[in-house]
Amino acid sequence: MSALVRRPRLFSLRIDEHPATDGWIMRHLDGTETRKKFEIPLVPTAVPPEALAHGRALEEWAMDVHDSLGRLLIWDTSFAWWMVQEPDLELLIICAPRGMFREDSDALSWLPFGTGDGHRQVNELRARYGLT
């Protein structure tokens, strides 16, 4: 992950309508159940450094804290950039100064941006949703 992303402190917030609490139940083959109930933060939450170790770590942290559904906003303390994960549209919207995130960077991305496969996936999503 680039030093640019690790240097400033990052924050996250669900910016859609959502319940204050949520949870899940996992039913095991032996008939037992594991239940987890958690509160979804209603105020900005600092992203811990260990969640920035790689894209998968951030994804798992975000699901544990904010749930796996809904619109998630992530930004840094400089307010130089922000991104919104749109899970229903399978889309990541990034607003940043030109050149801040290199084309071959996959920092904070759920898609393999910067690769041939990543460009293909992004182009397919643009076509599917009529984005230019």
Protein backbone atom coordinates (compact mmCIF):
# COMPACT_ATOMS: atom_id res chain seq x y z
CA MET A 1 0.00 0.00 0.00
CA SER A 2 1.37 3.37 -0.90
CA ALA A 3 2.91 5.67 1.70
CA LEU A 4 0.39 8.33 0.63
CA VAL A 5 -2.50 6.25 1.94
CA ARG A 6 -0.73 5.12 5.12
CA ARG A 7 0.52 8.55 6.16
CA PRO A 8 -2.69 10.48 6.95
CA ARG A 9 -5.35 9.23 9.28
CA LEU A 10 -8.39 7.79 7.51
CA PHE A 11 -12.03 7.94 8.56
CA SER A 12 -15.13 6.06 7.42
CA LEU A 13 -18.89 6.51 7.72
CA ARG A 14 -21.99 4.80 6.32
CA ILE A 15 -23.83 7.55 4.46
CA ASP A 16 -27.06 5.76 3.64
CA GLU A 17 -30.11 5.07 5.75
CA HIS A 18 -29.35 2.06 7.93
CA PRO A 19 -30.36 0.57 11.26
CA ALA A 20 -28.35 1.55 14.35
CA THR A 21 -27.75 -2.15 15.05
CA ASP A 22 -27.42 -5.18 12.83
CA GLY A 23 -26.10 -8.69 13.07
CA TRP A 24 -25.91 -12.11 11.55
CA ILE A 25 -26.50 -15.76 12.41
CA MET A 26 -24.31 -18.60 11.16
CA ARG A 27 -25.82 -22.07 11.34
CA HIS A 28 -23.23 -24.83 11.63
CA LEU A 29 -23.55 -28.37 10.29
CA ASP A 30 -23.85 -29.76 13.83
CA GLY A 31 -27.00 -27.64 14.38
CA THR A 32 -25.40 -25.02 16.59
CA GLU A 33 -25.55 -21.33 15.79
CA THR A 34 -23.11 -18.47 16.09
CA ARG A 35 -24.77 -15.08 16.53
CA LYS A 36 -23.16 -11.68 16.22
CA LYS A 37 -24.89 -8.39 16.91
CA PHE A 38 -23.13 -5.05 16.46
CA GLU A 39 -23.81 -1.33 16.32
CA ILE A 40 -23.19 0.49 13.06
CA PRO A 41 -21.42 3.78 13.85
CA LEU A 42 -23.47 6.91 13.26
CA VAL A 43 -20.41 9.19 13.48
CA PRO A 44 -17.09 9.09 11.60
CA THR A 45 -14.90 6.17 12.66
CA ALA A 46 -11.10 6.15 12.49
CA VAL A 47 -9.72 3.36 10.31
CA PRO A 48 -7.07 1.48 12.35
CA PRO A 49 -3.58 1.07 10.81
CA GLU A 50 -3.91 -2.74 10.65
CA ALA A 51 -6.93 -2.35 8.34
CA LEU A 52 -4.62 -0.64 5.82
CA ALA A 53 -2.17 -3.53 5.57
CA HIS A 54 -3.82 -4.61 2.28
CA GLY A 55 -7.15 -4.30 0.46
CA ARG A 56 -8.58 -7.46 1.98
CA ALA A 57 -7.85 -6.22 5.52
CA LEU A 58 -9.74 -3.00 4.83
CA GLU A 59 -12.66 -4.89 3.33
CA GLU A 60 -12.91 -7.22 6.34
CA TRP A 61 -12.62 -4.32 8.81
CA ALA A 62 -15.32 -2.33 6.97
CA MET A 63 -17.68 -5.32 6.97
CA ASP A 64 -17.11 -5.91 10.71
CA VAL A 65 -17.68 -2.27 11.61
CA HIS A 66 -20.13 -0.94 9.00
CA ASP A 67 -21.77 -4.17 7.74
CA SER A 68 -21.53 -5.46 4.19
CA LEU A 69 -24.43 -3.48 2.75
CA GLY A 70 -24.82 0.21 2.11
CA ARG A 71 -22.83 3.17 0.94
CA LEU A 72 -19.50 3.66 2.72
CA LEU A 73 -17.56 6.96 2.57
CA ILE A 74 -13.78 6.94 3.30
CA TRP A 75 -11.59 10.06 3.47
CA ASP A 76 -8.32 11.29 4.97
CA THR A 77 -7.68 14.12 7.40
CA SER A 78 -6.25 16.35 4.67
CA PHE A 79 -9.61 16.23 2.83
CA ALA A 80 -7.53 15.99 -0.36
CA TRP A 81 -9.48 12.93 -1.53
CA TRP A 82 -12.49 10.77 -0.73
CA MET A 83 -14.06 7.59 -2.02
CA VAL A 84 -17.48 6.00 -1.79
CA GLN A 85 -18.11 2.28 -2.11
CA GLU A 86 -21.44 1.65 -3.87
CA PRO A 87 -22.00 -2.07 -3.23
CA ASP A 88 -25.39 -2.32 -4.96
CA LEU A 89 -23.90 -0.87 -8.14
CA GLU A 90 -20.56 -2.68 -7.71
CA LEU A 91 -18.89 0.70 -8.08
CA LEU A 92 -16.13 2.61 -6.29
CA ILE A 93 -16.28 6.39 -6.79
CA ILE A 94 -13.02 8.24 -6.14
CA CYS A 95 -12.59 12.01 -6.02
CA ALA A 96 -8.92 13.03 -5.86
CA PRO A 97 -6.53 15.46 -7.52
CA ARG A 98 -5.20 14.20 -10.84
CA GLY A 99 -2.21 11.93 -10.34
CA MET A 100 -2.76 11.40 -6.60
CA PHE A 101 -3.52 7.72 -7.11
CA ARG A 102 -1.33 6.18 -9.79
CA GLU A 103 -3.02 4.02 -12.39
CA ASP A 104 -1.21 0.90 -11.15
CA SER A 105 -2.23 1.43 -7.51
CA ASP A 106 -4.84 -0.84 -5.96
CA ALA A 107 -4.80 1.03 -2.62
CA LEU A 108 -8.19 0.92 -0.91
CA SER A 109 -9.74 -0.80 -3.92
CA TRP A 110 -12.04 -3.78 -4.04
CA LEU A 111 -11.33 -4.15 -7.78
CA PRO A 112 -7.89 -4.83 -9.27
CA PHE A 113 -7.46 -1.31 -10.70
CA GLY A 114 -4.29 -0.73 -12.65
CA THR A 115 -4.26 -4.17 -14.22
CA GLY A 116 -5.63 -5.25 -17.59
CA ASP A 117 -8.31 -7.28 -15.83
CA GLY A 118 -9.17 -4.33 -13.59
CA HIS A 119 -9.58 -2.00 -16.58
CA ARG A 120 -11.81 -4.59 -18.27
CA GLN A 121 -13.99 -4.91 -15.15
CA VAL A 122 -14.32 -1.14 -14.80
CA ASN A 123 -15.24 -0.75 -18.49
CA GLU A 124 -17.88 -3.50 -18.15
CA LEU A 125 -19.38 -1.74 -15.10
CA ARG A 126 -19.38 1.60 -16.91
CA ALA A 127 -21.19 0.04 -19.86
CA ARG A 128 -23.67 -1.81 -17.62
CA TYR A 129 -24.68 1.34 -15.74
CA GLY A 130 -24.36 3.79 -18.62
CA LEU A 131 -21.47 5.74 -17.07
CA THR A 132 -19.09 7.70 -19.26
